[in-house]
Amino acid sequence: MEQSQESYPPPVYRNALQPERERSLRTLTHVLYALYAVHWLTGGLTIVIAIIINYVKRSDAAGTPYEAHFDWQIRSFWMCLLGYVIGGLLLFVVIGIPVLWAVSIWMLYRIIKGWLYLYDNKPLLNPRAWF
């Protein structure tokens, strides 16, 4: 018996999967922004879930328009955590309350900005920026 020249299974062409992959990543990115947005209501549980998903799926987002959104979300998490820790430590000298409010407003700004860019299908030009 002769072997067929065609391989089995047939090769999957990257371009055929690209739209589905990007659609899936776009939906996931929306879900992640939603998890970040409700973290105040869940005592921080959803933000922990979101950061874990960010790190697990980060390699899937590499090379797509959503890579910058993942970087933006990850950086937002770590800077927010640092701000919350500093604000928490400063609660003993009363200045912690305004610090915690400022960090919360900054985080809300980053969530809204990133989510609007995602909604408009625009890439974040500098995901490492503070604003």
Protein backbone atom coordinates (compact mmCIF):
# COMPACT_ATOMS: atom_id res chain seq x y z
CA MET A 1 0.00 0.00 0.00
CA GLU A 2 1.15 3.45 -0.84
CA GLN A 3 0.92 6.24 1.66
CA SER A 4 -0.99 9.32 0.72
CA GLN A 5 0.92 12.54 0.21
CA GLU A 6 -1.60 14.35 2.39
CA SER A 7 -1.04 14.36 6.09
CA TYR A 8 -3.74 13.48 8.51
CA PRO A 9 -5.24 15.49 10.08
CA PRO A 10 -5.10 18.24 7.50
CA PRO A 11 -2.92 21.20 8.48
CA VAL A 12 -4.64 24.06 10.25
CA TYR A 13 -3.89 27.39 8.69
CA ARG A 14 -3.15 30.20 11.11
CA ASN A 15 -5.29 32.74 9.24
CA ALA A 16 -8.34 30.50 9.53
CA LEU A 17 -8.11 30.49 13.34
CA GLN A 18 -7.07 34.10 13.82
CA PRO A 19 -10.55 35.73 13.80
CA GLU A 20 -11.93 33.16 16.25
CA ARG A 21 -8.89 33.51 18.52
CA GLU A 22 -9.13 37.29 18.54
CA ARG A 23 -12.88 37.21 19.17
CA SER A 24 -12.29 34.89 22.12
CA LEU A 25 -9.51 37.10 23.51
CA ARG A 26 -11.69 40.20 23.10
CA THR A 27 -14.49 38.57 25.10
CA LEU A 28 -12.04 37.41 27.76
CA THR A 29 -10.58 40.92 28.03
CA HIS A 30 -14.09 42.35 28.54
CA VAL A 31 -14.70 39.78 31.29
CA LEU A 32 -11.39 40.68 32.95
CA TYR A 33 -12.24 44.39 32.96
CA ALA A 34 -15.59 43.49 34.54
CA LEU A 35 -13.82 41.44 37.23
CA TYR A 36 -11.52 44.37 37.94
CA ALA A 37 -14.49 46.77 38.06
CA VAL A 38 -16.41 44.84 40.72
CA HIS A 39 -13.47 44.08 42.99
CA TRP A 40 -14.63 46.71 45.50
CA LEU A 41 -17.95 44.89 45.88
CA THR A 42 -16.40 41.46 46.45
CA GLY A 43 -13.71 42.36 48.95
CA GLY A 44 -11.02 41.95 46.30
CA LEU A 45 -11.89 38.36 45.33
CA THR A 46 -12.63 39.14 41.68
CA ILE A 47 -9.40 41.09 41.22
CA VAL A 48 -7.42 38.06 42.44
CA ILE A 49 -9.30 35.87 39.94
CA ALA A 50 -8.65 38.42 37.18
CA ILE A 51 -4.90 38.67 37.82
CA ILE A 52 -4.56 34.88 37.81
CA ILE A 53 -6.38 34.68 34.47
CA ASN A 54 -4.23 37.55 33.15
CA TYR A 55 -1.04 35.63 33.87
CA VAL A 56 -2.38 32.28 32.63
CA LYS A 57 -3.68 33.71 29.33
CA ARG A 58 -0.92 36.27 28.78
CA SER A 59 0.94 34.06 26.30
CA ASP A 60 -2.28 33.57 24.29
CA ALA A 61 -2.62 37.34 23.94
CA ALA A 62 0.97 37.81 22.76
CA GLY A 63 1.11 39.30 19.30
CA THR A 64 -2.53 40.36 19.30
CA PRO A 65 -4.11 43.77 19.87
CA TYR A 66 -5.12 42.53 23.34
CA GLU A 67 -1.56 42.08 24.58
CA ALA A 68 -1.42 45.74 25.59
CA HIS A 69 -4.70 45.39 27.50
CA PHE A 70 -3.29 42.43 29.45
CA ASP A 71 -0.16 44.42 30.29
CA TRP A 72 -2.34 47.39 31.30
CA GLN A 73 -4.46 45.22 33.60
CA ILE A 74 -1.47 43.51 35.20
CA ARG A 75 0.30 46.80 35.83
CA SER A 76 -2.92 48.31 37.22
CA PHE A 77 -3.24 45.43 39.67
CA TRP A 78 0.29 45.68 41.04
CA MET A 79 0.31 49.47 41.31
CA CYS A 80 -3.12 49.40 42.96
CA LEU A 81 -1.98 46.73 45.42
CA LEU A 82 1.07 48.82 46.30
CA GLY A 83 -1.14 51.88 46.80
CA TYR A 84 -3.56 49.95 49.00
CA VAL A 85 -0.73 48.62 51.15
CA ILE A 86 0.77 52.09 51.58
CA GLY A 87 -2.67 53.55 52.32
CA GLY A 88 -3.39 50.77 54.79
CA LEU A 89 -0.14 51.41 56.63
CA LEU A 90 -0.86 55.13 56.73
CA LEU A 91 -4.28 54.61 58.30
CA PHE A 92 -2.57 54.88 61.66
CA VAL A 93 -1.65 58.49 60.94
CA VAL A 94 -5.05 59.34 59.37
CA ILE A 95 -3.54 60.24 55.97
CA GLY A 96 -4.29 56.69 54.82
CA ILE A 97 -7.95 57.41 54.10
CA PRO A 98 -7.24 60.01 51.38
CA VAL A 99 -4.49 57.77 50.00
CA LEU A 100 -6.91 54.83 49.75
CA TRP A 101 -9.50 57.06 48.06
CA ALA A 102 -6.92 58.36 45.59
CA VAL A 103 -5.76 54.83 44.75
CA SER A 104 -9.37 53.72 44.23
CA ILE A 105 -10.11 56.65 41.92
CA TRP A 106 -6.88 56.00 39.99
CA MET A 107 -7.82 52.32 39.59
CA LEU A 108 -11.32 53.26 38.47
CA TYR A 109 -9.80 55.62 35.89
CA ARG A 110 -7.55 52.84 34.54
CA ILE A 111 -10.43 50.38 34.31
CA ILE A 112 -12.63 52.88 32.47
CA LYS A 113 -9.87 54.01 30.10
CA GLY A 114 -8.82 50.47 29.23
CA TRP A 115 -12.37 49.25 28.81
CA LEU A 116 -13.28 52.19 26.54
CA TYR A 117 -10.22 51.55 24.39
CA LEU A 118 -11.22 47.89 24.16
CA TYR A 119 -14.81 48.81 23.29
CA ASP A 120 -13.58 51.14 20.52
CA ASN A 121 -11.20 48.39 19.35
CA LYS A 122 -8.21 50.67 19.85
CA PRO A 123 -4.90 49.45 21.22
CA LEU A 124 -3.44 51.02 24.33
CA LEU A 125 -0.37 52.78 22.98
CA ASN A 126 1.61 52.77 26.21
CA PRO A 127 0.36 50.14 28.67
CA ARG A 128 3.20 50.98 31.07
CA ALA A 129 2.05 54.59 31.46
CA TRP A 130 0.61 55.83 34.73
CA PHE A 131 -2.38 57.46 33.00
